[in-house]
C-alpha atoms as a PDB file:
ATOM      1  CA  MET A   1     224.146 117.828 141.592  1.00  0.00           C
ATOM      2  CA  LYS A   2     220.580 116.702 142.301  1.00  0.00           C
ATOM      3  CA  LYS A   3     221.822 113.722 144.260  1.00  0.00           C
ATOM      4  CA  THR A   4     224.054 115.924 146.401  1.00  0.00           C
ATOM      5  CA  ILE A   5     221.201 118.320 147.219  1.00  0.00           C
ATOM      6  CA  ILE A   6     218.834 115.434 148.059  1.00  0.00           C
ATOM      7  CA  CYS A   7     221.477 113.834 150.332  1.00  0.00           C
ATOM      8  CA  CYS A   8     222.071 117.128 152.122  1.00  0.00           C
ATOM      9  CA  ILE A   9     218.324 117.646 152.705  1.00  0.00           C
ATOM     10  CA  ALA A  10     217.921 114.056 154.008  1.00  0.00           C
ATOM     11  CA  PHE A  11     220.887 114.499 156.351  1.00  0.00           C
ATOM     12  CA  LEU A  12     219.481 117.793 157.664  1.00  0.00           C
ATOM     13  CA  CYS A  13     216.075 116.175 158.310  1.00  0.00           C
ATOM     14  CA  CYS A  14     217.704 113.292 160.248  1.00  0.00           C
ATOM     15  CA  THR A  15     219.807 115.583 162.397  1.00  0.00           C
ATOM     16  CA  LEU A  16     216.851 117.868 163.214  1.00  0.00           C
ATOM     17  CA  ALA A  17     214.772 114.830 164.271  1.00  0.00           C
ATOM     18  CA  ALA A  18     217.694 113.552 166.339  1.00  0.00           C
ATOM     19  CA  GLN A  19     218.028 116.710 168.381  1.00  0.00           C
ATOM     20  CA  ALA A  20     214.420 116.515 169.592  1.00  0.00           C
ATOM     21  CA  GLN A  21     215.042 113.089 171.186  1.00  0.00           C
ATOM     22  CA  PHE A  22     218.023 114.161 173.301  1.00  0.00           C
ATOM     23  CA  GLU A  23     216.034 116.623 175.433  1.00  0.00           C
ATOM     24  CA  LYS A  24     215.701 116.664 179.216  1.00  0.00           C
ATOM     25  CA  ASN A  25     213.035 114.278 180.670  1.00  0.00           C
ATOM     26  CA  LYS A  26     213.088 111.933 177.669  1.00  0.00           C
ATOM     27  CA  TRP A  27     213.526 108.215 178.455  1.00  0.00           C
ATOM     28  CA  PHE A  28     215.925 105.912 176.640  1.00  0.00           C
ATOM     29  CA  PHE A  29     216.176 102.107 176.307  1.00  0.00           C
ATOM     30  CA  ASN A  30     218.841 100.269 174.297  1.00  0.00           C
ATOM     31  CA  THR A  31     219.617  96.646 173.550  1.00  0.00           C
ATOM     32  CA  SER A  32     223.003  95.753 172.037  1.00  0.00           C
ATOM     33  CA  ALA A  33     224.849  92.736 170.821  1.00  0.00           C
ATOM     34  CA  THR A  34     228.450  93.093 171.935  1.00  0.00           C
ATOM     35  CA  GLY A  35     231.432  91.222 170.759  1.00  0.00           C
ATOM     36  CA  LEU A  36     230.059  89.484 167.695  1.00  0.00           C
ATOM     37  CA  GLY A  37     233.547  88.114 167.314  1.00  0.00           C
ATOM     38  CA  PHE A  38     234.976  91.636 167.214  1.00  0.00           C
ATOM     39  CA  SER A  39     235.825  92.024 170.905  1.00  0.00           C
ATOM     40  CA  TYR A  40     239.087  90.758 172.306  1.00  0.00           C
ATOM     41  CA  SER A  41     241.036  90.505 175.519  1.00  0.00           C
ATOM     42  CA  GLY A  42     244.334  88.863 176.315  1.00  0.00           C
ATOM     43  CA  SER A  43     242.806  86.039 178.361  1.00  0.00           C
ATOM     44  CA  GLU A  44     239.487  85.324 176.679  1.00  0.00           C
ATOM     45  CA  LYS A  45     239.911  85.760 172.894  1.00  0.00           C
ATOM     46  CA  ALA A  46     236.663  86.372 170.956  1.00  0.00           C
ATOM     47  CA  ARG A  47     233.256  86.139 172.638  1.00  0.00           C
ATOM     48  CA  PHE A  48     229.574  86.945 172.091  1.00  0.00           C
ATOM     49  CA  GLY A  49     227.671  89.190 174.498  1.00  0.00           C
ATOM     50  CA  PHE A  50     224.595  91.260 175.070  1.00  0.00           C
ATOM     51  CA  GLU A  51     223.917  94.557 176.804  1.00  0.00           C
ATOM     52  CA  THR A  52     220.689  96.251 177.952  1.00  0.00           C
ATOM     53  CA  VAL A  53     220.817  99.914 178.953  1.00  0.00           C
ATOM     54  CA  GLY A  54     217.994 102.131 180.182  1.00  0.00           C
ATOM     55  CA  GLY A  55     217.682 105.549 181.767  1.00  0.00           C
ATOM     56  CA  ALA A  56     216.666 109.137 181.296  1.00  0.00           C
ATOM     57  CA  PHE A  57     218.038 112.415 179.990  1.00  0.00           C
ATOM     58  CA  VAL A  58     218.745 114.525 183.071  1.00  0.00           C
ATOM     59  CA  ALA A  59     219.752 117.535 180.922  1.00  0.00           C
ATOM     60  CA  ASP A  60     219.670 118.247 177.202  1.00  0.00           C
ATOM     61  CA  ASN A  61     222.072 115.845 175.433  1.00  0.00           C
ATOM     62  CA  PHE A  62     223.149 114.206 178.733  1.00  0.00           C
ATOM     63  CA  SER A  63     221.724 110.851 179.968  1.00  0.00           C
ATOM     64  CA  LEU A  64     222.167 108.821 183.146  1.00  0.00           C
ATOM     65  CA  LEU A  65     221.810 105.083 182.520  1.00  0.00           C
ATOM     66  CA  LEU A  66     221.675 101.702 184.247  1.00  0.00           C
ATOM     67  CA  ASP A  67     223.556  98.892 182.461  1.00  0.00           C
ATOM     68  CA  PHE A  68     223.084  95.125 182.539  1.00  0.00           C
ATOM     69  CA  GLY A  69     224.764  92.565 180.298  1.00  0.00           C
ATOM     70  CA  GLY A  70     226.867  89.491 179.889  1.00  0.00           C
ATOM     71  CA  GLU A  71     229.449  87.785 177.674  1.00  0.00           C
ATOM     72  CA  TYR A  72     229.719  84.142 176.811  1.00  0.00           C
ATOM     73  CA  GLY A  73     232.228  81.962 174.984  1.00  0.00           C
ATOM     74  CA  LYS A  74     232.864  78.269 174.489  1.00  0.00           C
ATOM     75  CA  GLY A  75     235.341  76.922 177.016  1.00  0.00           C
ATOM     76  CA  ILE A  76     235.611  80.292 178.748  1.00  0.00           C
ATOM     77  CA  ALA A  77     234.036  81.401 181.998  1.00  0.00           C
ATOM     78  CA  ASP A  78     230.835  83.333 181.491  1.00  0.00           C
ATOM     79  CA  GLN A  79     230.625  86.902 182.771  1.00  0.00           C
ATOM     80  CA  THR A  80     227.655  89.022 183.834  1.00  0.00           C
ATOM     81  CA  HIS A  81     227.826  92.716 184.694  1.00  0.00           C
ATOM     82  CA  VAL A  82     225.744  95.540 186.190  1.00  0.00           C
ATOM     83  CA  GLY A  83     226.708  99.150 186.242  1.00  0.00           C
ATOM     84  CA  VAL A  84     225.922 102.818 185.839  1.00  0.00           C
ATOM     85  CA  LYS A  85     227.021 105.073 183.022  1.00  0.00           C
ATOM     86  CA  THR A  86     226.407 108.355 181.334  1.00  0.00           C
ATOM     87  CA  ARG A  87     226.208 109.406 177.730  1.00  0.00           C
ATOM     88  CA  TYR A  88     226.684 112.787 176.100  1.00  0.00           C
ATOM     89  CA  TYR A  89     225.165 113.316 172.651  1.00  0.00           C
ATOM     90  CA  PHE A  90     226.665 116.054 170.542  1.00  0.00           C
ATOM     91  CA  GLU A  91     223.796 118.368 169.608  1.00  0.00           C
ATOM     92  CA  LYS A  92     222.099 117.808 166.252  1.00  0.00           C
ATOM     93  CA  VAL A  93     224.561 115.183 165.135  1.00  0.00           C
ATOM     94  CA  GLY A  94     223.835 111.851 166.922  1.00  0.00           C
ATOM     95  CA  ILE A  95     227.482 111.149 167.861  1.00  0.00           C
ATOM     96  CA  PHE A  96     227.766 110.118 171.499  1.00  0.00           C
ATOM     97  CA  LEU A  97     230.491 109.517 174.082  1.00  0.00           C
ATOM     98  CA  GLY A  98     229.824 107.486 177.212  1.00  0.00           C
ATOM     99  CA  GLY A  99     231.545 106.344 180.351  1.00  0.00           C
ATOM    100  CA  GLY A 100     230.754 104.542 183.580  1.00  0.00           C
ATOM    101  CA  LEU A 101     231.565 101.831 186.072  1.00  0.00           C
ATOM    102  CA  ARG A 102     230.668  98.130 185.936  1.00  0.00           C
ATOM    103  CA  TYR A 103     230.767  95.337 188.462  1.00  0.00           C
ATOM    104  CA  LYS A 104     231.610  92.060 186.653  1.00  0.00           C
ATOM    105  CA  HIS A 105     230.805  88.625 188.094  1.00  0.00           C
ATOM    106  CA  PHE A 106     232.500  85.631 186.477  1.00  0.00           C
ATOM    107  CA  GLY A 107     231.186  82.073 186.293  1.00  0.00           C
ATOM    108  CA  ALA A 108     232.159  79.325 188.737  1.00  0.00           C
ATOM    109  CA  SER A 109     234.857  77.963 186.473  1.00  0.00           C
ATOM    110  CA  ALA A 110     236.613  81.323 186.159  1.00  0.00           C
ATOM    111  CA  ALA A 111     240.261  81.684 187.107  1.00  0.00           C
ATOM    112  CA  PHE A 112     239.557  85.363 187.921  1.00  0.00           C
ATOM    113  CA  PRO A 113     237.766  86.938 190.853  1.00  0.00           C
ATOM    114  CA  ASN A 114     234.973  89.439 190.366  1.00  0.00           C
ATOM    115  CA  ASP A 115     236.068  92.694 188.773  1.00  0.00           C
ATOM    116  CA  ILE A 116     235.281  96.370 188.700  1.00  0.00           C
ATOM    117  CA  ALA A 117     235.850  98.065 185.342  1.00  0.00           C
ATOM    118  CA  ALA A 118     235.711 101.560 183.893  1.00  0.00           C
ATOM    119  CA  ALA A 119     233.673 101.422 180.695  1.00  0.00           C
ATOM    120  CA  PHE A 120     234.097 103.833 177.781  1.00  0.00           C
ATOM    121  CA  GLU A 121     232.218 104.000 174.447  1.00  0.00           C
ATOM    122  CA  ALA A 122     231.914 106.154 171.360  1.00  0.00           C
ATOM    123  CA  GLY A 123     229.202 105.722 168.755  1.00  0.00           C
ATOM    124  CA  TYR A 124     226.592 107.144 166.496  1.00  0.00           C
ATOM    125  CA  ALA A 125     222.790 107.156 166.949  1.00  0.00           C
ATOM    126  CA  PHE A 126     221.403 106.867 163.430  1.00  0.00           C
ATOM    127  CA  PHE A 127     217.634 107.534 163.451  1.00  0.00           C
ATOM    128  CA  VAL A 128     215.657 105.006 161.462  1.00  0.00           C
ATOM    129  CA  SER A 129     212.395 106.615 162.681  1.00  0.00           C
ATOM    130  CA  ARG A 130     211.501 109.457 165.060  1.00  0.00           C
ATOM    131  CA  THR A 131     211.930 107.251 168.166  1.00  0.00           C
ATOM    132  CA  VAL A 132     214.185 104.357 167.069  1.00  0.00           C
ATOM    133  CA  THR A 133     217.938 104.461 166.438  1.00  0.00           C
ATOM    134  CA  PHE A 134     220.496 102.065 165.020  1.00  0.00           C
ATOM    135  CA  GLU A 135     223.621 102.497 167.205  1.00  0.00           C
ATOM    136  CA  PRO A 136     227.003 101.095 166.226  1.00  0.00           C
ATOM    137  CA  ALA A 137     229.713 101.851 168.803  1.00  0.00           C
ATOM    138  CA  LEU A 138     233.258 101.050 169.847  1.00  0.00           C
ATOM    139  CA  PHE A 139     233.820 100.185 173.481  1.00  0.00           C
ATOM    140  CA  TYR A 140     236.644  99.722 175.931  1.00  0.00           C
ATOM    141  CA  ASP A 141     236.427  98.209 179.430  1.00  0.00           C
ATOM    142  CA  GLN A 142     239.470  98.923 181.625  1.00  0.00           C
ATOM    143  CA  SER A 143     239.825  96.544 184.544  1.00  0.00           C
ATOM    144  CA  LEU A 144     240.462  98.410 187.799  1.00  0.00           C
ATOM    145  CA  THR A 145     241.861  95.326 189.535  1.00  0.00           C
ATOM    146  CA  HIS A 146     245.290  93.857 189.097  1.00  0.00           C
ATOM    147  CA  HIS A 147     244.112  91.672 186.145  1.00  0.00           C
ATOM    148  CA  ARG A 148     245.158  93.433 182.971  1.00  0.00           C
ATOM    149  CA  ASP A 149     243.878  90.508 180.930  1.00  0.00           C
ATOM    150  CA  LEU A 150     240.290  91.356 181.907  1.00  0.00           C
ATOM    151  CA  SER A 151     240.359  94.667 179.953  1.00  0.00           C
ATOM    152  CA  ARG A 152     238.387  94.476 176.712  1.00  0.00           C
ATOM    153  CA  VAL A 153     238.114  96.390 173.469  1.00  0.00           C
ATOM    154  CA  GLY A 154     235.420  95.724 170.891  1.00  0.00           C
ATOM    155  CA  PHE A 155     232.529  96.701 168.666  1.00  0.00           C
ATOM    156  CA  LYS A 156     228.789  96.572 169.471  1.00  0.00           C
ATOM    157  CA  VAL A 157     225.623  97.110 167.504  1.00  0.00           C
ATOM    158  CA  GLY A 158     222.333  98.039 169.086  1.00  0.00           C
ATOM    159  CA  PHE A 159     218.927  99.629 168.753  1.00  0.00           C
ATOM    160  CA  GLY A 160     217.840 102.567 170.909  1.00  0.00           C
ATOM    161  CA  PHE A 161     214.260 103.516 171.745  1.00  0.00           C
ATOM    162  CA  TYR A 162     213.404 107.065 172.848  1.00  0.00           C
ATOM    163  CA  PHE A 163     210.135 107.976 174.521  1.00  0.00           C
END
């Protein structure tokens, strides 16, 4: 019984601290490792990538973000992307949903032209301190060109910084 009460109090403290960071005029910066062998597409198999996101909360629980990243794999054309996206954080919980658009540029050896993709994500912002979060998330990039093999689904892990 004691353990249950302590766990409930700890969870309550974390969620109250989380809500204070999702307020209007707060800034956000996130770095993520994408893929980690968990992402997959029909043409590229598993890859490793990175993503850097930064922006501001334009309303409580709602952020507007700029996105930069890339994905790399042995024997596969490298890909770099830039984009814009939004995130909505469910109040007092830390769960977030995001969406946006990305312009993807593929390396010189690519069999594909450049691509525009709709990006979707769902994750959880777990606060390790008042201003730092650990953020695991699932993502899906839907290619908006005629190349279905460029669509990706995967898992990413990142750290968010709120100030």
